[in-house]
Amino acid sequence: MKRDKKFGDQVAEIKLIVIDEFEVQLRQVALGRLPLTSPQVTALIFALKGNLPEKYRDRYGVELTGKDGEAIQVHTIEVEKDYGPG
């Protein structure tokens, strides 16, 4: 595909058509119109995640702020350890 741009473009176009079909099939399953088994649905989900990660990847984001969106205040305290008589 690196040597033949036209071929590479055709493969990319077909890939998008197939991905669109995967999305249609999952939508039909969600609406109860297409009876797929659980493994088939899982395969479609992984195919979408693998081929369109920017759209279907699992996203995790955590943002911590202090009161009213301000910076979190950090305080350090010293603790004396008392292990009793010894």
Foldseek 3Di string as FASTA:
>chain_A
DVVDVVVVVVVVVVLVVVLVVLVVQLVCVVVVNDDDDPVVPVVSLVSNCVSPVVPRPDDDDDDDDDPPRHHDDDDDDDDDDDPDDD
